[in-house]
Amino acid sequence: PPLDGIWASAPYFHNGSVPTLWHLLHPDERPVVWSRHAEGFDEDRVGFVIDQFSAVPKSVKSSAERRQYFDTRRHGKSAMGHDFVDQLTADEKKAVLEYLKTL
C-alpha cells in the first residue's frame, strides 16, 4: 500500500508483528512478546505504546487473555526478516522515521 498515513496504521508487517515504525527500523530491538498498552499511540516511535515480555505471562490462562499478547514465536507471527534497514546509519534511520511522520 502507499505510505500515505502509515503513521496511523500500526501494527506493521503483513501479520501485524511489529508494533511501531521504530521497531521496523531496528530489527534487533523488535519485541518477542508484546501487549498493547492502554495509553494508546506512541508519537516518538510511531505506533502502539506497548509492554514487552520475554514470554506470555504464566498467569495468562484463557484464550481471551492470550489474545491480548502478540507472541512472535508462534507460527505465522514472526517479526523476523526485513532487516535491510541495518544498512542504514542511526542518523538515516532517524531521518526515515521523521519523514514517515509527515506522510
N, C-alpha and C. Protein backbone atom coordinates (compact mmCIF):
# COMPACT_ATOMS: atom_id res chain seq x y z
N PRO A 1 0.83 -1.21 0.00
CA PRO A 1 0.00 0.00 0.00
C PRO A 1 0.86 1.26 0.00
N PRO A 2 0.31 2.37 -0.39
CA PRO A 2 1.08 3.62 -0.35
C PRO A 2 1.43 3.98 1.09
N LEU A 3 2.44 4.82 1.23
CA LEU A 3 2.90 5.22 2.56
C LEU A 3 2.04 6.32 3.19
N ASP A 4 1.12 6.89 2.42
CA ASP A 4 0.26 7.94 2.97
C ASP A 4 -0.44 7.44 4.23
N GLY A 5 -0.26 8.15 5.33
CA GLY A 5 -0.90 7.80 6.58
C GLY A 5 -0.32 6.60 7.28
N ILE A 6 0.89 6.18 6.89
CA ILE A 6 1.49 5.00 7.51
C ILE A 6 1.63 5.17 9.01
N TRP A 7 1.80 6.40 9.44
CA TRP A 7 1.95 6.67 10.88
C TRP A 7 0.71 6.23 11.66
N ALA A 8 -0.41 6.10 10.99
CA ALA A 8 -1.66 5.76 11.68
C ALA A 8 -2.09 4.31 11.46
N SER A 9 -1.22 3.50 10.88
CA SER A 9 -1.66 2.15 10.51
C SER A 9 -0.94 1.03 11.26
N ALA A 10 -0.48 1.29 12.47
CA ALA A 10 0.16 0.23 13.27
C ALA A 10 -0.86 -0.85 13.60
N PRO A 11 -0.43 -2.07 13.80
CA PRO A 11 0.92 -2.60 13.75
C PRO A 11 1.36 -2.87 12.31
N TYR A 12 2.62 -3.16 12.14
CA TYR A 12 3.21 -3.27 10.81
C TYR A 12 3.59 -4.70 10.44
N PHE A 13 3.92 -4.89 9.19
CA PHE A 13 4.18 -6.16 8.51
C PHE A 13 2.85 -6.82 8.18
N HIS A 14 2.89 -7.78 7.31
CA HIS A 14 1.67 -8.44 6.85
C HIS A 14 0.90 -9.11 7.98
N ASN A 15 1.60 -9.49 9.04
CA ASN A 15 0.95 -10.21 10.13
C ASN A 15 0.77 -9.36 11.40
N GLY A 16 1.11 -8.08 11.33
CA GLY A 16 0.94 -7.19 12.47
C GLY A 16 1.89 -7.45 13.61
N SER A 17 3.07 -7.99 13.30
CA SER A 17 4.01 -8.41 14.35
C SER A 17 4.92 -7.30 14.88
N VAL A 18 4.93 -6.16 14.22
CA VAL A 18 5.82 -5.07 14.62
C VAL A 18 4.97 -3.88 15.08
N PRO A 19 5.07 -3.53 16.37
CA PRO A 19 4.15 -2.54 16.92
C PRO A 19 4.40 -1.09 16.54
N THR A 20 5.64 -0.74 16.12
CA THR A 20 5.95 0.65 15.77
C THR A 20 6.87 0.72 14.56
N LEU A 21 6.90 1.89 13.93
CA LEU A 21 7.85 2.08 12.84
C LEU A 21 9.29 2.06 13.35
N TRP A 22 9.50 2.52 14.58
CA TRP A 22 10.84 2.46 15.17
C TRP A 22 11.32 1.01 15.23
N HIS A 23 10.47 0.10 15.67
CA HIS A 23 10.82 -1.32 15.72
C HIS A 23 11.07 -1.87 14.32
N LEU A 24 10.32 -1.38 13.34
CA LEU A 24 10.55 -1.81 11.96
C LEU A 24 11.97 -1.44 11.52
N LEU A 25 12.43 -0.27 11.93
CA LEU A 25 13.76 0.21 11.55
C LEU A 25 14.88 -0.34 12.43
N HIS A 26 14.54 -1.04 13.49
CA HIS A 26 15.53 -1.61 14.42
C HIS A 26 15.21 -3.10 14.65
N PRO A 27 15.51 -3.95 13.66
CA PRO A 27 15.14 -5.37 13.75
C PRO A 27 15.63 -6.08 15.00
N ASP A 28 16.80 -5.73 15.51
CA ASP A 28 17.33 -6.40 16.70
C ASP A 28 16.59 -6.00 17.97
N GLU A 29 15.78 -4.97 17.91
CA GLU A 29 15.05 -4.47 19.08
C GLU A 29 13.57 -4.86 19.07
N ARG A 30 13.15 -5.62 18.08
CA ARG A 30 11.74 -6.00 17.99
C ARG A 30 11.38 -6.90 19.16
N PRO A 31 10.26 -6.63 19.82
CA PRO A 31 9.89 -7.44 20.99
C PRO A 31 9.50 -8.86 20.61
N VAL A 32 9.82 -9.80 21.49
CA VAL A 32 9.45 -11.21 21.29
C VAL A 32 7.97 -11.38 21.57
N VAL A 33 7.53 -10.86 22.69
CA VAL A 33 6.11 -10.87 23.06
C VAL A 33 5.76 -9.45 23.47
N TRP A 34 4.65 -8.95 22.97
CA TRP A 34 4.24 -7.61 23.35
C TRP A 34 2.73 -7.55 23.51
N SER A 35 2.34 -6.55 24.28
CA SER A 35 0.94 -6.30 24.51
C SER A 35 0.70 -4.81 24.37
N ARG A 36 -0.36 -4.47 23.72
CA ARG A 36 -0.69 -3.06 23.52
C ARG A 36 -1.06 -2.45 24.87
N HIS A 37 -0.44 -1.33 25.17
CA HIS A 37 -0.67 -0.63 26.43
C HIS A 37 -1.89 0.26 26.28
N ALA A 38 -2.58 0.46 27.34
CA ALA A 38 -3.82 1.24 27.31
C ALA A 38 -3.60 2.70 26.93
N GLU A 39 -2.37 3.20 27.03
CA GLU A 39 -2.11 4.62 26.76
C GLU A 39 -2.30 5.00 25.31
N GLY A 40 -2.28 4.07 24.39
CA GLY A 40 -2.59 4.39 23.01
C GLY A 40 -1.43 4.52 22.07
N PHE A 41 -1.21 5.73 21.54
CA PHE A 41 -0.28 5.95 20.43
C PHE A 41 1.05 6.51 20.90
N ASP A 42 2.14 5.91 20.43
CA ASP A 42 3.50 6.36 20.74
C ASP A 42 3.95 7.29 19.61
N GLU A 43 3.95 8.58 19.86
CA GLU A 43 4.28 9.56 18.83
C GLU A 43 5.76 9.56 18.47
N ASP A 44 6.63 9.18 19.39
CA ASP A 44 8.07 9.15 19.10
C ASP A 44 8.44 7.96 18.23
N ARG A 45 7.91 6.80 18.58
CA ARG A 45 8.25 5.58 17.84
C ARG A 45 7.25 5.30 16.72
N VAL A 46 6.18 5.99 16.69
CA VAL A 46 5.12 5.91 15.68
C VAL A 46 4.48 4.53 15.65
N GLY A 47 3.53 4.35 16.53
CA GLY A 47 2.79 3.10 16.61
C GLY A 47 2.19 2.94 17.98
N PHE A 48 1.97 1.70 18.36
CA PHE A 48 1.35 1.42 19.64
C PHE A 48 2.31 1.62 20.80
N VAL A 49 1.80 2.11 21.92
CA VAL A 49 2.53 2.06 23.19
C VAL A 49 2.39 0.61 23.64
N ILE A 50 3.52 -0.03 23.96
CA ILE A 50 3.47 -1.46 24.28
C ILE A 50 4.19 -1.77 25.59
N ASP A 51 3.85 -2.93 26.12
CA ASP A 51 4.62 -3.55 27.18
C ASP A 51 5.30 -4.75 26.53
N GLN A 52 6.59 -4.94 26.81
CA GLN A 52 7.35 -6.04 26.22
C GLN A 52 7.56 -7.14 27.25
N PHE A 53 7.57 -8.39 26.76
CA PHE A 53 7.76 -9.55 27.61
C PHE A 53 8.71 -10.53 26.90
N SER A 54 9.36 -11.37 27.68
CA SER A 54 10.18 -12.43 27.08
C SER A 54 9.31 -13.64 26.76
N ALA A 55 8.15 -13.73 27.40
CA ALA A 55 7.18 -14.80 27.14
C ALA A 55 5.82 -14.32 27.62
N VAL A 56 4.78 -15.01 27.17
CA VAL A 56 3.44 -14.70 27.67
C VAL A 56 3.44 -15.03 29.17
N PRO A 57 2.99 -14.12 30.01
CA PRO A 57 3.00 -14.38 31.46
C PRO A 57 2.28 -15.69 31.82
N LYS A 58 2.84 -16.39 32.78
CA LYS A 58 2.27 -17.68 33.20
C LYS A 58 0.88 -17.52 33.81
N SER A 59 0.57 -16.33 34.27
CA SER A 59 -0.75 -16.09 34.86
C SER A 59 -1.86 -16.07 33.80
N VAL A 60 -1.49 -15.98 32.53
CA VAL A 60 -2.47 -15.94 31.45
C VAL A 60 -2.96 -17.37 31.21
N LYS A 61 -4.23 -17.60 31.43
CA LYS A 61 -4.79 -18.95 31.32
C LYS A 61 -5.78 -19.10 30.16
N SER A 62 -6.64 -18.15 29.98
CA SER A 62 -7.71 -18.31 29.00
C SER A 62 -7.28 -17.83 27.61
N SER A 63 -8.00 -18.28 26.61
CA SER A 63 -7.75 -17.86 25.23
C SER A 63 -8.00 -16.36 25.09
N ALA A 64 -8.99 -15.85 25.78
CA ALA A 64 -9.30 -14.42 25.71
C ALA A 64 -8.14 -13.60 26.25
N GLU A 65 -7.54 -14.05 27.35
CA GLU A 65 -6.38 -13.34 27.91
C GLU A 65 -5.18 -13.46 26.97
N ARG A 66 -4.99 -14.63 26.39
CA ARG A 66 -3.85 -14.87 25.49
C ARG A 66 -3.90 -13.95 24.27
N ARG A 67 -5.10 -13.63 23.81
CA ARG A 67 -5.24 -12.76 22.63
C ARG A 67 -4.75 -11.34 22.91
N GLN A 68 -4.52 -10.99 24.15
CA GLN A 68 -4.02 -9.67 24.50
C GLN A 68 -2.51 -9.56 24.27
N TYR A 69 -1.86 -10.68 23.96
CA TYR A 69 -0.40 -10.73 23.77
C TYR A 69 -0.08 -11.17 22.36
N PHE A 70 0.89 -10.50 21.74
CA PHE A 70 1.35 -10.91 20.41
C PHE A 70 2.68 -11.62 20.61
N ASP A 71 2.70 -12.92 20.38
CA ASP A 71 3.88 -13.76 20.58
C ASP A 71 4.50 -14.05 19.21
N THR A 72 5.62 -13.41 18.91
CA THR A 72 6.25 -13.55 17.59
C THR A 72 6.91 -14.90 17.39
N ARG A 73 6.91 -15.76 18.40
CA ARG A 73 7.48 -17.11 18.26
C ARG A 73 6.46 -18.09 17.71
N ARG A 74 5.21 -17.70 17.65
CA ARG A 74 4.16 -18.60 17.15
C ARG A 74 4.17 -18.64 15.63
N HIS A 75 3.73 -19.76 15.09
CA HIS A 75 3.69 -19.96 13.64
C HIS A 75 2.88 -18.84 12.96
N GLY A 76 3.48 -18.22 11.96
CA GLY A 76 2.81 -17.16 11.22
C GLY A 76 2.84 -15.79 11.88
N LYS A 77 3.49 -15.69 13.03
CA LYS A 77 3.51 -14.43 13.79
C LYS A 77 4.90 -13.81 13.86
N SER A 78 5.85 -14.33 13.13
CA SER A 78 7.24 -13.89 13.22
C SER A 78 7.42 -12.42 12.84
N ALA A 79 8.36 -11.78 13.54
CA ALA A 79 8.76 -10.41 13.21
C ALA A 79 10.15 -10.41 12.58
N MET A 80 10.61 -11.57 12.15
CA MET A 80 11.94 -11.71 11.55
C MET A 80 11.93 -11.18 10.12
N GLY A 81 13.13 -10.96 9.61
CA GLY A 81 13.26 -10.53 8.23
C GLY A 81 13.17 -9.03 8.08
N HIS A 82 13.16 -8.60 6.86
CA HIS A 82 13.12 -7.17 6.56
C HIS A 82 14.20 -6.43 7.33
N ASP A 83 15.39 -7.03 7.36
CA ASP A 83 16.49 -6.44 8.11
C ASP A 83 17.43 -5.61 7.23
N PHE A 84 17.00 -5.32 6.00
CA PHE A 84 17.78 -4.47 5.11
C PHE A 84 18.04 -3.10 5.71
N VAL A 85 17.19 -2.70 6.64
CA VAL A 85 17.35 -1.38 7.27
C VAL A 85 18.63 -1.30 8.10
N ASP A 86 19.24 -2.45 8.41
CA ASP A 86 20.50 -2.43 9.14
C ASP A 86 21.63 -1.81 8.33
N GLN A 87 21.42 -1.64 7.05
CA GLN A 87 22.41 -0.97 6.20
C GLN A 87 22.40 0.54 6.40
N LEU A 88 21.36 1.05 7.04
CA LEU A 88 21.25 2.48 7.31
C LEU A 88 21.98 2.84 8.60
N THR A 89 22.50 4.05 8.65
CA THR A 89 23.12 4.53 9.88
C THR A 89 22.02 4.94 10.86
N ALA A 90 22.38 5.18 12.10
CA ALA A 90 21.41 5.62 13.10
C ALA A 90 20.76 6.94 12.67
N ASP A 91 21.56 7.85 12.12
CA ASP A 91 21.01 9.13 11.66
C ASP A 91 20.05 8.95 10.49
N GLU A 92 20.38 8.03 9.59
CA GLU A 92 19.49 7.77 8.45
C GLU A 92 18.17 7.15 8.92
N LYS A 93 18.25 6.23 9.88
CA LYS A 93 17.01 5.63 10.42
C LYS A 93 16.14 6.70 11.07
N LYS A 94 16.78 7.60 11.81
CA LYS A 94 16.02 8.68 12.44
C LYS A 94 15.37 9.57 11.40
N ALA A 95 16.10 9.87 10.32
CA ALA A 95 15.56 10.71 9.25
C ALA A 95 14.38 10.03 8.56
N VAL A 96 14.49 8.73 8.32
CA VAL A 96 13.38 7.98 7.70
C VAL A 96 12.15 8.03 8.61
N LEU A 97 12.36 7.79 9.89
CA LEU A 97 11.25 7.81 10.83
C LEU A 97 10.57 9.18 10.85
N GLU A 98 11.36 10.23 10.90
CA GLU A 98 10.80 11.59 10.92
C GLU A 98 10.06 11.89 9.61
N TYR A 99 10.57 11.40 8.50
CA TYR A 99 9.90 11.60 7.22
C TYR A 99 8.54 10.87 7.21
N LEU A 100 8.53 9.64 7.70
CA LEU A 100 7.28 8.87 7.69
C LEU A 100 6.21 9.52 8.56
N LYS A 101 6.61 10.30 9.54
CA LYS A 101 5.65 11.01 10.38
C LYS A 101 4.93 12.10 9.60
N THR A 102 5.49 12.54 8.50
CA THR A 102 4.91 13.65 7.73
C THR A 102 3.93 13.20 6.67
N LEU A 103 3.88 11.92 6.39
CA LEU A 103 3.02 11.44 5.31
C LEU A 103 1.57 11.33 5.70
